[in-house]
mmCIF file of all heavy atoms, coordinates in Angstrom:
data_MODEL
# 
_entry.id   MODEL 
# 
loop_
_atom_site.group_PDB 
_atom_site.id 
_atom_site.type_symbol 
_atom_site.label_atom_id 
_atom_site.label_alt_id 
_atom_site.label_comp_id 
_atom_site.label_asym_id 
_atom_site.label_entity_id 
_atom_site.label_seq_id 
_atom_site.pdbx_PDB_ins_code 
_atom_site.Cartn_x 
_atom_site.Cartn_y 
_atom_site.Cartn_z 
_atom_site.occupancy 
_atom_site.B_iso_or_equiv 
_atom_site.pdbx_formal_charge 
_atom_site.auth_seq_id 
_atom_site.auth_comp_id 
_atom_site.auth_asym_id 
_atom_site.auth_atom_id 
_atom_site.pdbx_PDB_model_num 
ATOM 1   N N   . PHE A 1 1  ? -2.843  9.236  -12.759 1.00 0.00 ? 1  PHE A N   1 
ATOM 2   C CA  . PHE A 1 1  ? -3.062  7.769  -13.291 1.00 0.00 ? 1  PHE A CA  1 
ATOM 3   C C   . PHE A 1 1  ? -2.445  7.735  -14.572 1.00 0.00 ? 1  PHE A C   1 
ATOM 4   O O   . PHE A 1 1  ? -2.754  8.605  -15.498 1.00 0.00 ? 1  PHE A O   1 
ATOM 5   C CB  . PHE A 1 1  ? -4.423  7.208  -13.243 1.00 0.00 ? 1  PHE A CB  1 
ATOM 6   C CG  . PHE A 1 1  ? -5.065  7.128  -11.967 1.00 0.00 ? 1  PHE A CG  1 
ATOM 7   C CD1 . PHE A 1 1  ? -5.780  8.129  -11.356 1.00 0.00 ? 1  PHE A CD1 1 
ATOM 8   C CD2 . PHE A 1 1  ? -4.830  5.921  -11.115 1.00 0.00 ? 1  PHE A CD2 1 
ATOM 9   C CE1 . PHE A 1 1  ? -6.362  7.975  -10.116 1.00 0.00 ? 1  PHE A CE1 1 
ATOM 10  C CE2 . PHE A 1 1  ? -5.383  5.798  -9.919  1.00 0.00 ? 1  PHE A CE2 1 
ATOM 11  C CZ  . PHE A 1 1  ? -6.157  6.863  -9.300  1.00 0.00 ? 1  PHE A CZ  1 
ATOM 12  N N   . ASN A 1 2  ? -1.519  6.766  -14.837 1.00 0.00 ? 2  ASN A N   1 
ATOM 13  C CA  . ASN A 1 2  ? -0.754  6.721  -16.086 1.00 0.00 ? 2  ASN A CA  1 
ATOM 14  C C   . ASN A 1 2  ? -0.995  5.313  -16.701 1.00 0.00 ? 2  ASN A C   1 
ATOM 15  O O   . ASN A 1 2  ? -0.990  4.278  -16.017 1.00 0.00 ? 2  ASN A O   1 
ATOM 16  C CB  . ASN A 1 2  ? 0.696   6.827  -15.888 1.00 0.00 ? 2  ASN A CB  1 
ATOM 17  C CG  . ASN A 1 2  ? 1.069   8.137  -15.117 1.00 0.00 ? 2  ASN A CG  1 
ATOM 18  O OD1 . ASN A 1 2  ? 0.903   9.205  -15.697 1.00 0.00 ? 2  ASN A OD1 1 
ATOM 19  N ND2 . ASN A 1 2  ? 1.578   8.061  -13.890 1.00 0.00 ? 2  ASN A ND2 1 
ATOM 20  N N   . MET A 1 3  ? -1.271  5.282  -18.053 1.00 0.00 ? 3  MET A N   1 
ATOM 21  C CA  . MET A 1 3  ? -1.362  4.104  -18.843 1.00 0.00 ? 3  MET A CA  1 
ATOM 22  C C   . MET A 1 3  ? -0.106  3.978  -19.698 1.00 0.00 ? 3  MET A C   1 
ATOM 23  O O   . MET A 1 3  ? 0.187   4.917  -20.404 1.00 0.00 ? 3  MET A O   1 
ATOM 24  C CB  . MET A 1 3  ? -2.582  4.093  -19.749 1.00 0.00 ? 3  MET A CB  1 
ATOM 25  C CG  . MET A 1 3  ? -2.742  2.863  -20.656 1.00 0.00 ? 3  MET A CG  1 
ATOM 26  S SD  . MET A 1 3  ? -3.789  3.229  -21.992 1.00 0.00 ? 3  MET A SD  1 
ATOM 27  C CE  . MET A 1 3  ? -2.910  4.478  -22.896 1.00 0.00 ? 3  MET A CE  1 
ATOM 28  N N   . ASP A 1 4  ? 0.683   2.956  -19.628 1.00 0.00 ? 4  ASP A N   1 
ATOM 29  C CA  . ASP A 1 4  ? 1.912   2.786  -20.284 1.00 0.00 ? 4  ASP A CA  1 
ATOM 30  C C   . ASP A 1 4  ? 1.963   1.594  -21.261 1.00 0.00 ? 4  ASP A C   1 
ATOM 31  O O   . ASP A 1 4  ? 1.513   0.496  -20.821 1.00 0.00 ? 4  ASP A O   1 
ATOM 32  C CB  . ASP A 1 4  ? 2.992   2.602  -19.217 1.00 0.00 ? 4  ASP A CB  1 
ATOM 33  C CG  . ASP A 1 4  ? 3.225   3.915  -18.334 1.00 0.00 ? 4  ASP A CG  1 
ATOM 34  O OD1 . ASP A 1 4  ? 3.365   4.944  -18.869 1.00 0.00 ? 4  ASP A OD1 1 
ATOM 35  O OD2 . ASP A 1 4  ? 3.106   3.653  -17.150 1.00 0.00 ? 4  ASP A OD2 1 
ATOM 36  N N   . HIS A 1 5  ? 2.472   1.875  -22.366 1.00 0.00 ? 5  HIS A N   1 
ATOM 37  C CA  . HIS A 1 5  ? 2.623   0.786  -23.442 1.00 0.00 ? 5  HIS A CA  1 
ATOM 38  C C   . HIS A 1 5  ? 3.795   1.191  -24.304 1.00 0.00 ? 5  HIS A C   1 
ATOM 39  O O   . HIS A 1 5  ? 4.105   2.361  -24.475 1.00 0.00 ? 5  HIS A O   1 
ATOM 40  C CB  . HIS A 1 5  ? 1.427   0.609  -24.295 1.00 0.00 ? 5  HIS A CB  1 
ATOM 41  C CG  . HIS A 1 5  ? 1.520   -0.451 -25.347 1.00 0.00 ? 5  HIS A CG  1 
ATOM 42  N ND1 . HIS A 1 5  ? 1.867   -0.197 -26.673 1.00 0.00 ? 5  HIS A ND1 1 
ATOM 43  C CD2 . HIS A 1 5  ? 1.203   -1.752 -25.366 1.00 0.00 ? 5  HIS A CD2 1 
ATOM 44  C CE1 . HIS A 1 5  ? 1.912   -1.381 -27.373 1.00 0.00 ? 5  HIS A CE1 1 
ATOM 45  N NE2 . HIS A 1 5  ? 1.506   -2.353 -26.451 1.00 0.00 ? 5  HIS A NE2 1 
ATOM 46  N N   . GLU A 1 6  ? 4.468   0.326  -24.981 1.00 0.00 ? 6  GLU A N   1 
ATOM 47  C CA  . GLU A 1 6  ? 5.618   0.649  -25.653 1.00 0.00 ? 6  GLU A CA  1 
ATOM 48  C C   . GLU A 1 6  ? 5.389   1.557  -26.873 1.00 0.00 ? 6  GLU A C   1 
ATOM 49  O O   . GLU A 1 6  ? 6.235   2.269  -27.498 1.00 0.00 ? 6  GLU A O   1 
ATOM 50  C CB  . GLU A 1 6  ? 6.355   -0.641 -26.169 1.00 0.00 ? 6  GLU A CB  1 
ATOM 51  C CG  . GLU A 1 6  ? 5.580   -1.498 -27.150 1.00 0.00 ? 6  GLU A CG  1 
ATOM 52  C CD  . GLU A 1 6  ? 6.308   -2.753 -27.514 1.00 0.00 ? 6  GLU A CD  1 
ATOM 53  O OE1 . GLU A 1 6  ? 7.323   -2.996 -27.127 1.00 0.00 ? 6  GLU A OE1 1 
ATOM 54  O OE2 . GLU A 1 6  ? 5.698   -3.523 -28.309 1.00 0.00 ? 6  GLU A OE2 1 
ATOM 55  N N   . GLU A 1 7  ? 4.090   1.571  -27.346 1.00 0.00 ? 7  GLU A N   1 
ATOM 56  C CA  . GLU A 1 7  ? 3.783   2.404  -28.497 1.00 0.00 ? 7  GLU A CA  1 
ATOM 57  C C   . GLU A 1 7  ? 2.919   3.553  -28.221 1.00 0.00 ? 7  GLU A C   1 
ATOM 58  O O   . GLU A 1 7  ? 2.847   4.545  -28.969 1.00 0.00 ? 7  GLU A O   1 
ATOM 59  C CB  . GLU A 1 7  ? 3.112   1.521  -29.474 1.00 0.00 ? 7  GLU A CB  1 
ATOM 60  C CG  . GLU A 1 7  ? 3.829   0.363  -30.111 1.00 0.00 ? 7  GLU A CG  1 
ATOM 61  C CD  . GLU A 1 7  ? 5.022   0.796  -31.123 1.00 0.00 ? 7  GLU A CD  1 
ATOM 62  O OE1 . GLU A 1 7  ? 4.858   2.071  -31.385 1.00 0.00 ? 7  GLU A OE1 1 
ATOM 63  O OE2 . GLU A 1 7  ? 5.831   0.143  -31.345 1.00 0.00 ? 7  GLU A OE2 1 
ATOM 64  N N   . VAL A 1 8  ? 2.264   3.572  -27.080 1.00 0.00 ? 8  VAL A N   1 
ATOM 65  C CA  . VAL A 1 8  ? 1.364   4.687  -26.752 1.00 0.00 ? 8  VAL A CA  1 
ATOM 66  C C   . VAL A 1 8  ? 1.239   4.862  -25.268 1.00 0.00 ? 8  VAL A C   1 
ATOM 67  O O   . VAL A 1 8  ? 1.405   3.828  -24.458 1.00 0.00 ? 8  VAL A O   1 
ATOM 68  C CB  . VAL A 1 8  ? -0.110  4.467  -27.414 1.00 0.00 ? 8  VAL A CB  1 
ATOM 69  C CG1 . VAL A 1 8  ? -0.701  3.127  -26.850 1.00 0.00 ? 8  VAL A CG1 1 
ATOM 70  C CG2 . VAL A 1 8  ? -0.901  5.594  -27.164 1.00 0.00 ? 8  VAL A CG2 1 
ATOM 71  N N   . THR A 1 9  ? 1.077   6.075  -24.704 1.00 0.00 ? 9  THR A N   1 
ATOM 72  C CA  . THR A 1 9  ? 0.840   6.332  -23.298 1.00 0.00 ? 9  THR A CA  1 
ATOM 73  C C   . THR A 1 9  ? -0.320  7.332  -23.303 1.00 0.00 ? 9  THR A C   1 
ATOM 74  O O   . THR A 1 9  ? -0.660  8.104  -24.141 1.00 0.00 ? 9  THR A O   1 
ATOM 75  C CB  . THR A 1 9  ? 2.071   6.843  -22.591 1.00 0.00 ? 9  THR A CB  1 
ATOM 76  O OG1 . THR A 1 9  ? 2.331   8.032  -23.266 1.00 0.00 ? 9  THR A OG1 1 
ATOM 77  C CG2 . THR A 1 9  ? 3.245   5.917  -22.735 1.00 0.00 ? 9  THR A CG2 1 
ATOM 78  N N   . ASP A 1 10 ? -0.935  7.428  -22.057 1.00 0.00 ? 10 ASP A N   1 
ATOM 79  C CA  . ASP A 1 10 ? -1.978  8.325  -21.705 1.00 0.00 ? 10 ASP A CA  1 
ATOM 80  C C   . ASP A 1 10 ? -2.008  8.503  -20.172 1.00 0.00 ? 10 ASP A C   1 
ATOM 81  O O   . ASP A 1 10 ? -1.587  7.675  -19.487 1.00 0.00 ? 10 ASP A O   1 
ATOM 82  C CB  . ASP A 1 10 ? -3.345  8.013  -22.266 1.00 0.00 ? 10 ASP A CB  1 
ATOM 83  C CG  . ASP A 1 10 ? -4.246  9.140  -22.239 1.00 0.00 ? 10 ASP A CG  1 
ATOM 84  O OD1 . ASP A 1 10 ? -3.838  10.263 -22.215 1.00 0.00 ? 10 ASP A OD1 1 
ATOM 85  O OD2 . ASP A 1 10 ? -5.512  8.896  -22.380 1.00 0.00 ? 10 ASP A OD2 1 
ATOM 86  N N   . SER A 1 11 ? -2.598  9.609  -19.783 1.00 0.00 ? 11 SER A N   1 
ATOM 87  C CA  . SER A 1 11 ? -2.645  9.858  -18.276 1.00 0.00 ? 11 SER A CA  1 
ATOM 88  C C   . SER A 1 11 ? -3.831  10.849 -17.984 1.00 0.00 ? 11 SER A C   1 
ATOM 89  O O   . SER A 1 11 ? -4.324  11.537 -18.780 1.00 0.00 ? 11 SER A O   1 
ATOM 90  C CB  . SER A 1 11 ? -1.377  10.518 -17.724 1.00 0.00 ? 11 SER A CB  1 
ATOM 91  O OG  . SER A 1 11 ? -1.210  11.879 -18.329 1.00 0.00 ? 11 SER A OG  1 
ATOM 92  N N   . ILE A 1 12 ? -4.385  10.704 -16.746 1.00 0.00 ? 12 ILE A N   1 
ATOM 93  C CA  . ILE A 1 12 ? -5.443  11.453 -16.307 1.00 0.00 ? 12 ILE A CA  1 
ATOM 94  C C   . ILE A 1 12 ? -5.063  11.973 -14.888 1.00 0.00 ? 12 ILE A C   1 
ATOM 95  O O   . ILE A 1 12 ? -4.461  11.350 -14.127 1.00 0.00 ? 12 ILE A O   1 
ATOM 96  C CB  . ILE A 1 12 ? -6.783  10.847 -16.351 1.00 0.00 ? 12 ILE A CB  1 
ATOM 97  C CG1 . ILE A 1 12 ? -6.826  9.541  -15.539 1.00 0.00 ? 12 ILE A CG1 1 
ATOM 98  C CG2 . ILE A 1 12 ? -7.172  10.638 -17.796 1.00 0.00 ? 12 ILE A CG2 1 
ATOM 99  C CD1 . ILE A 1 12 ? -8.245  8.906  -15.432 1.00 0.00 ? 12 ILE A CD1 1 
ATOM 100 N N   . GLU A 1 13 ? -5.691  13.135 -14.391 1.00 0.00 ? 13 GLU A N   1 
ATOM 101 C CA  . GLU A 1 13 ? -5.521  13.526 -13.077 1.00 0.00 ? 13 GLU A CA  1 
ATOM 102 C C   . GLU A 1 13 ? -6.990  13.477 -12.431 1.00 0.00 ? 13 GLU A C   1 
ATOM 103 O O   . GLU A 1 13 ? -7.929  14.022 -12.874 1.00 0.00 ? 13 GLU A O   1 
ATOM 104 C CB  . GLU A 1 13 ? -5.111  14.948 -13.026 1.00 0.00 ? 13 GLU A CB  1 
ATOM 105 C CG  . GLU A 1 13 ? -3.625  15.071 -13.375 1.00 0.00 ? 13 GLU A CG  1 
ATOM 106 C CD  . GLU A 1 13 ? -3.114  16.468 -13.123 1.00 0.00 ? 13 GLU A CD  1 
ATOM 107 O OE1 . GLU A 1 13 ? -3.850  17.377 -13.061 1.00 0.00 ? 13 GLU A OE1 1 
ATOM 108 O OE2 . GLU A 1 13 ? -1.811  16.689 -13.235 1.00 0.00 ? 13 GLU A OE2 1 
ATOM 109 N N   . VAL A 1 14 ? -7.031  12.858 -11.148 1.00 0.00 ? 14 VAL A N   1 
ATOM 110 C CA  . VAL A 1 14 ? -8.327  12.620 -10.432 1.00 0.00 ? 14 VAL A CA  1 
ATOM 111 C C   . VAL A 1 14 ? -8.158  13.473 -9.185  1.00 0.00 ? 14 VAL A C   1 
ATOM 112 O O   . VAL A 1 14 ? -7.292  13.240 -8.423  1.00 0.00 ? 14 VAL A O   1 
ATOM 113 C CB  . VAL A 1 14 ? -8.590  11.177 -10.327 1.00 0.00 ? 14 VAL A CB  1 
ATOM 114 C CG1 . VAL A 1 14 ? -9.815  10.953 -9.381  1.00 0.00 ? 14 VAL A CG1 1 
ATOM 115 C CG2 . VAL A 1 14 ? -8.711  10.447 -11.613 1.00 0.00 ? 14 VAL A CG2 1 
ATOM 116 N N   . ARG A 1 15 ? -9.072  14.328 -9.005  1.00 0.00 ? 15 ARG A N   1 
ATOM 117 C CA  . ARG A 1 15 ? -9.160  15.098 -7.787  1.00 0.00 ? 15 ARG A CA  1 
ATOM 118 C C   . ARG A 1 15 ? -9.889  14.228 -6.680  1.00 0.00 ? 15 ARG A C   1 
ATOM 119 O O   . ARG A 1 15 ? -10.977 13.818 -6.843  1.00 0.00 ? 15 ARG A O   1 
ATOM 120 C CB  . ARG A 1 15 ? -9.934  16.404 -7.953  1.00 0.00 ? 15 ARG A CB  1 
ATOM 121 C CG  . ARG A 1 15 ? -10.032 17.302 -6.665  1.00 0.00 ? 15 ARG A CG  1 
ATOM 122 C CD  . ARG A 1 15 ? -10.877 18.547 -6.936  1.00 0.00 ? 15 ARG A CD  1 
ATOM 123 N NE  . ARG A 1 15 ? -10.200 19.381 -7.975  1.00 0.00 ? 15 ARG A NE  1 
ATOM 124 C CZ  . ARG A 1 15 ? -9.131  20.268 -7.756  1.00 0.00 ? 15 ARG A CZ  1 
ATOM 125 N NH1 . ARG A 1 15 ? -8.720  20.343 -6.464  1.00 0.00 ? 15 ARG A NH1 1 
ATOM 126 N NH2 . ARG A 1 15 ? -8.573  20.849 -8.635  1.00 0.00 ? 15 ARG A NH2 1 
ATOM 127 N N   . THR A 1 16 ? -9.139  13.976 -5.565  1.00 0.00 ? 16 THR A N   1 
ATOM 128 C CA  . THR A 1 16 ? -9.641  13.053 -4.676  1.00 0.00 ? 16 THR A CA  1 
ATOM 129 C C   . THR A 1 16 ? -9.923  13.739 -3.238  1.00 0.00 ? 16 THR A C   1 
ATOM 130 O O   . THR A 1 16 ? -9.065  14.500 -2.848  1.00 0.00 ? 16 THR A O   1 
ATOM 131 C CB  . THR A 1 16 ? -8.572  11.882 -4.313  1.00 0.00 ? 16 THR A CB  1 
ATOM 132 O OG1 . THR A 1 16 ? -8.147  11.328 -5.523  1.00 0.00 ? 16 THR A OG1 1 
ATOM 133 C CG2 . THR A 1 16 ? -9.135  10.858 -3.362  1.00 0.00 ? 16 THR A CG2 1 
ATOM 134 N N   . ASN A 1 17 ? -11.152 13.631 -2.889  1.00 0.00 ? 17 ASN A N   1 
ATOM 135 C CA  . ASN A 1 17 ? -11.719 14.305 -1.627  1.00 0.00 ? 17 ASN A CA  1 
ATOM 136 C C   . ASN A 1 17 ? -11.640 13.364 -0.493  1.00 0.00 ? 17 ASN A C   1 
ATOM 137 O O   . ASN A 1 17 ? -12.123 12.287 -0.524  1.00 0.00 ? 17 ASN A O   1 
ATOM 138 C CB  . ASN A 1 17 ? -13.143 14.759 -1.806  1.00 0.00 ? 17 ASN A CB  1 
ATOM 139 C CG  . ASN A 1 17 ? -13.618 15.486 -0.594  1.00 0.00 ? 17 ASN A CG  1 
ATOM 140 O OD1 . ASN A 1 17 ? -14.268 14.832 0.250   1.00 0.00 ? 17 ASN A OD1 1 
ATOM 141 N ND2 . ASN A 1 17 ? -13.224 16.752 -0.386  1.00 0.00 ? 17 ASN A ND2 1 
ATOM 142 N N   . VAL A 1 18 ? -10.845 13.838 0.549   1.00 0.00 ? 18 VAL A N   1 
ATOM 143 C CA  . VAL A 1 18 ? -10.673 13.012 1.677   1.00 0.00 ? 18 VAL A CA  1 
ATOM 144 C C   . VAL A 1 18 ? -11.733 13.384 2.882   1.00 0.00 ? 18 VAL A C   1 
ATOM 145 O O   . VAL A 1 18 ? -11.867 14.525 3.261   1.00 0.00 ? 18 VAL A O   1 
ATOM 146 C CB  . VAL A 1 18 ? -9.238  13.179 2.210   1.00 0.00 ? 18 VAL A CB  1 
ATOM 147 C CG1 . VAL A 1 18 ? -9.084  12.362 3.577   1.00 0.00 ? 18 VAL A CG1 1 
ATOM 148 C CG2 . VAL A 1 18 ? -8.187  12.661 1.291   1.00 0.00 ? 18 VAL A CG2 1 
ATOM 149 N N   . ASN A 1 19 ? -12.458 12.320 3.369   1.00 0.00 ? 19 ASN A N   1 
ATOM 150 C CA  . ASN A 1 19 ? -13.353 12.489 4.314   1.00 0.00 ? 19 ASN A CA  1 
ATOM 151 C C   . ASN A 1 19 ? -12.616 12.001 5.709   1.00 0.00 ? 19 ASN A C   1 
ATOM 152 O O   . ASN A 1 19 ? -11.751 11.037 5.674   1.00 0.00 ? 19 ASN A O   1 
ATOM 153 C CB  . ASN A 1 19 ? -14.591 11.614 4.248   1.00 0.00 ? 19 ASN A CB  1 
ATOM 154 C CG  . ASN A 1 19 ? -15.331 12.046 2.917   1.00 0.00 ? 19 ASN A CG  1 
ATOM 155 O OD1 . ASN A 1 19 ? -15.526 13.317 2.778   1.00 0.00 ? 19 ASN A OD1 1 
ATOM 156 N ND2 . ASN A 1 19 ? -15.810 11.149 2.094   1.00 0.00 ? 19 ASN A ND2 1 
ATOM 157 N N   . PRO A 1 20 ? -13.005 12.582 6.809   1.00 0.00 ? 20 PRO A N   1 
ATOM 158 C CA  . PRO A 1 20 ? -12.389 12.105 8.122   1.00 0.00 ? 20 PRO A CA  1 
ATOM 159 C C   . PRO A 1 20 ? -12.823 10.636 8.392   1.00 0.00 ? 20 PRO A C   1 
ATOM 160 O O   . PRO A 1 20 ? -13.773 10.177 7.897   1.00 0.00 ? 20 PRO A O   1 
ATOM 161 C CB  . PRO A 1 20 ? -13.029 13.006 9.084   1.00 0.00 ? 20 PRO A CB  1 
ATOM 162 C CG  . PRO A 1 20 ? -13.572 14.156 8.483   1.00 0.00 ? 20 PRO A CG  1 
ATOM 163 C CD  . PRO A 1 20 ? -13.985 13.766 7.094   1.00 0.00 ? 20 PRO A CD  1 
ATOM 164 N N   . SER A 1 21 ? -11.975 10.006 9.173   1.00 0.00 ? 21 SER A N   1 
ATOM 165 C CA  . SER A 1 21 ? -12.228 8.564  9.458   1.00 0.00 ? 21 SER A CA  1 
ATOM 166 C C   . SER A 1 21 ? -13.538 8.306  10.146  1.00 0.00 ? 21 SER A C   1 
ATOM 167 O O   . SER A 1 21 ? -13.702 9.163  11.252  1.00 0.00 ? 21 SER A O   1 
ATOM 168 C CB  . SER A 1 21 ? -11.072 7.939  10.248  1.00 0.00 ? 21 SER A CB  1 
ATOM 169 O OG  . SER A 1 21 ? -11.364 6.620  10.733  1.00 0.00 ? 21 SER A OG  1 
ATOM 170 N N   . PRO A 1 22 ? -14.303 7.438  10.069  1.00 0.00 ? 22 PRO A N   1 
ATOM 171 C CA  . PRO A 1 22 ? -15.609 7.188  10.836  1.00 0.00 ? 22 PRO A CA  1 
ATOM 172 C C   . PRO A 1 22 ? -15.342 6.826  12.325  1.00 0.00 ? 22 PRO A C   1 
ATOM 173 O O   . PRO A 1 22 ? -16.125 6.917  13.108  1.00 0.00 ? 22 PRO A O   1 
ATOM 174 C CB  . PRO A 1 22 ? -16.263 5.923  10.073  1.00 0.00 ? 22 PRO A CB  1 
ATOM 175 C CG  . PRO A 1 22 ? -15.190 5.334  9.295   1.00 0.00 ? 22 PRO A CG  1 
ATOM 176 C CD  . PRO A 1 22 ? -14.194 6.422  8.903   1.00 0.00 ? 22 PRO A CD  1 
ATOM 177 N N   . VAL A 1 23 ? -14.074 6.343  12.529  1.00 0.00 ? 23 VAL A N   1 
ATOM 178 C CA  . VAL A 1 23 ? -13.640 6.060  13.923  1.00 0.00 ? 23 VAL A CA  1 
ATOM 179 C C   . VAL A 1 23 ? -13.847 7.228  14.818  1.00 0.00 ? 23 VAL A C   1 
ATOM 180 O O   . VAL A 1 23 ? -14.358 7.303  15.912  1.00 0.00 ? 23 VAL A O   1 
ATOM 181 C CB  . VAL A 1 23 ? -12.272 5.419  13.996  1.00 0.00 ? 23 VAL A CB  1 
ATOM 182 C CG1 . VAL A 1 23 ? -11.843 5.329  15.447  1.00 0.00 ? 23 VAL A CG1 1 
ATOM 183 C CG2 . VAL A 1 23 ? -12.165 4.079  13.126  1.00 0.00 ? 23 VAL A CG2 1 
ATOM 184 N N   . TRP A 1 24 ? -13.394 8.396  14.257  1.00 0.00 ? 24 TRP A N   1 
ATOM 185 C CA  . TRP A 1 24 ? -13.456 9.653  14.981  1.00 0.00 ? 24 TRP A CA  1 
ATOM 186 C C   . TRP A 1 24 ? -14.930 10.002 15.297  1.00 0.00 ? 24 TRP A C   1 
ATOM 187 O O   . TRP A 1 24 ? -15.208 10.553 16.369  1.00 0.00 ? 24 TRP A O   1 
ATOM 188 C CB  . TRP A 1 24 ? -12.671 10.810 14.356  1.00 0.00 ? 24 TRP A CB  1 
ATOM 189 C CG  . TRP A 1 24 ? -11.186 10.527 14.314  1.00 0.00 ? 24 TRP A CG  1 
ATOM 190 C CD1 . TRP A 1 24 ? -10.533 10.163 13.242  1.00 0.00 ? 24 TRP A CD1 1 
ATOM 191 C CD2 . TRP A 1 24 ? -10.412 10.603 15.482  1.00 0.00 ? 24 TRP A CD2 1 
ATOM 192 N NE1 . TRP A 1 24 ? -9.282  10.007 13.574  1.00 0.00 ? 24 TRP A NE1 1 
ATOM 193 C CE2 . TRP A 1 24 ? -9.070  10.278 14.923  1.00 0.00 ? 24 TRP A CE2 1 
ATOM 194 C CE3 . TRP A 1 24 ? -10.603 10.800 16.826  1.00 0.00 ? 24 TRP A CE3 1 
ATOM 195 C CZ2 . TRP A 1 24 ? -7.989  10.196 15.737  1.00 0.00 ? 24 TRP A CZ2 1 
ATOM 196 C CZ3 . TRP A 1 24 ? -9.412  10.731 17.540  1.00 0.00 ? 24 TRP A CZ3 1 
ATOM 197 C CH2 . TRP A 1 24 ? -8.113  10.507 17.179  1.00 0.00 ? 24 TRP A CH2 1 
ATOM 198 N N   . GLY A 1 25 ? -15.805 9.588  14.539  1.00 0.00 ? 25 GLY A N   1 
ATOM 199 C CA  . GLY A 1 25 ? -17.268 9.845  14.639  1.00 0.00 ? 25 GLY A CA  1 
ATOM 200 C C   . GLY A 1 25 ? -17.754 9.120  15.782  1.00 0.00 ? 25 GLY A C   1 
ATOM 201 O O   . GLY A 1 25 ? -18.452 9.605  16.729  1.00 0.00 ? 25 GLY A O   1 
ATOM 202 N N   . PHE A 1 26 ? -17.334 7.813  15.826  1.00 0.00 ? 26 PHE A N   1 
ATOM 203 C CA  . PHE A 1 26 ? -17.791 7.026  16.930  1.00 0.00 ? 26 PHE A CA  1 
ATOM 204 C C   . PHE A 1 26 ? -17.224 7.432  18.253  1.00 0.00 ? 26 PHE A C   1 
ATOM 205 O O   . PHE A 1 26 ? -17.769 7.375  19.335  1.00 0.00 ? 26 PHE A O   1 
ATOM 206 C CB  . PHE A 1 26 ? -17.276 5.464  16.732  1.00 0.00 ? 26 PHE A CB  1 
ATOM 207 C CG  . PHE A 1 26 ? -18.008 4.883  15.489  1.00 0.00 ? 26 PHE A CG  1 
ATOM 208 C CD1 . PHE A 1 26 ? -17.296 4.103  14.593  1.00 0.00 ? 26 PHE A CD1 1 
ATOM 209 C CD2 . PHE A 1 26 ? -19.460 5.037  15.246  1.00 0.00 ? 26 PHE A CD2 1 
ATOM 210 C CE1 . PHE A 1 26 ? -18.021 3.591  13.478  1.00 0.00 ? 26 PHE A CE1 1 
ATOM 211 C CE2 . PHE A 1 26 ? -19.954 4.585  14.153  1.00 0.00 ? 26 PHE A CE2 1 
ATOM 212 C CZ  . PHE A 1 26 ? -19.246 3.737  13.277  1.00 0.00 ? 26 PHE A CZ  1 
ATOM 213 N N   . VAL A 1 27 ? -15.848 7.825  18.184  1.00 0.00 ? 27 VAL A N   1 
ATOM 214 C CA  . VAL A 1 27 ? -15.282 8.416  19.421  1.00 0.00 ? 27 VAL A CA  1 
ATOM 215 C C   . VAL A 1 27 ? -15.928 9.574  19.905  1.00 0.00 ? 27 VAL A C   1 
ATOM 216 O O   . VAL A 1 27 ? -16.326 9.788  21.211  1.00 0.00 ? 27 VAL A O   1 
ATOM 217 C CB  . VAL A 1 27 ? -13.741 8.812  19.133  1.00 0.00 ? 27 VAL A CB  1 
ATOM 218 C CG1 . VAL A 1 27 ? -13.201 9.501  20.262  1.00 0.00 ? 27 VAL A CG1 1 
ATOM 219 C CG2 . VAL A 1 27 ? -13.022 7.529  18.823  1.00 0.00 ? 27 VAL A CG2 1 
ATOM 220 N N   . GLY A 1 28 ? -16.470 10.489 18.990  1.00 0.00 ? 28 GLY A N   1 
ATOM 221 C CA  . GLY A 1 28 ? -17.193 11.657 19.374  1.00 0.00 ? 28 GLY A CA  1 
ATOM 222 C C   . GLY A 1 28 ? -18.482 11.292 20.035  1.00 0.00 ? 28 GLY A C   1 
ATOM 223 O O   . GLY A 1 28 ? -18.868 11.936 21.076  1.00 0.00 ? 28 GLY A O   1 
ATOM 224 N N   . ILE A 1 29 ? -19.187 10.355 19.496  1.00 0.00 ? 29 ILE A N   1 
ATOM 225 C CA  . ILE A 1 29 ? -20.416 9.889  20.110  1.00 0.00 ? 29 ILE A CA  1 
ATOM 226 C C   . ILE A 1 29 ? -20.279 9.336  21.467  1.00 0.00 ? 29 ILE A C   1 
ATOM 227 O O   . ILE A 1 29 ? -21.052 9.610  22.336  1.00 0.00 ? 29 ILE A O   1 
ATOM 228 C CB  . ILE A 1 29 ? -21.115 8.872  19.079  1.00 0.00 ? 29 ILE A CB  1 
ATOM 229 C CG1 . ILE A 1 29 ? -21.532 9.584  17.779  1.00 0.00 ? 29 ILE A CG1 1 
ATOM 230 C CG2 . ILE A 1 29 ? -22.351 8.202  19.733  1.00 0.00 ? 29 ILE A CG2 1 
ATOM 231 C CD1 . ILE A 1 29 ? -21.988 8.631  16.802  1.00 0.00 ? 29 ILE A CD1 1 
# 
């Protein structure tokens, strides 16, 4: 994620965990 301004900038990295879709749970059931 980046924050942009003509005088200053900053950024961070976010670790994102992906869970399976709940649809597949319903299909399994």
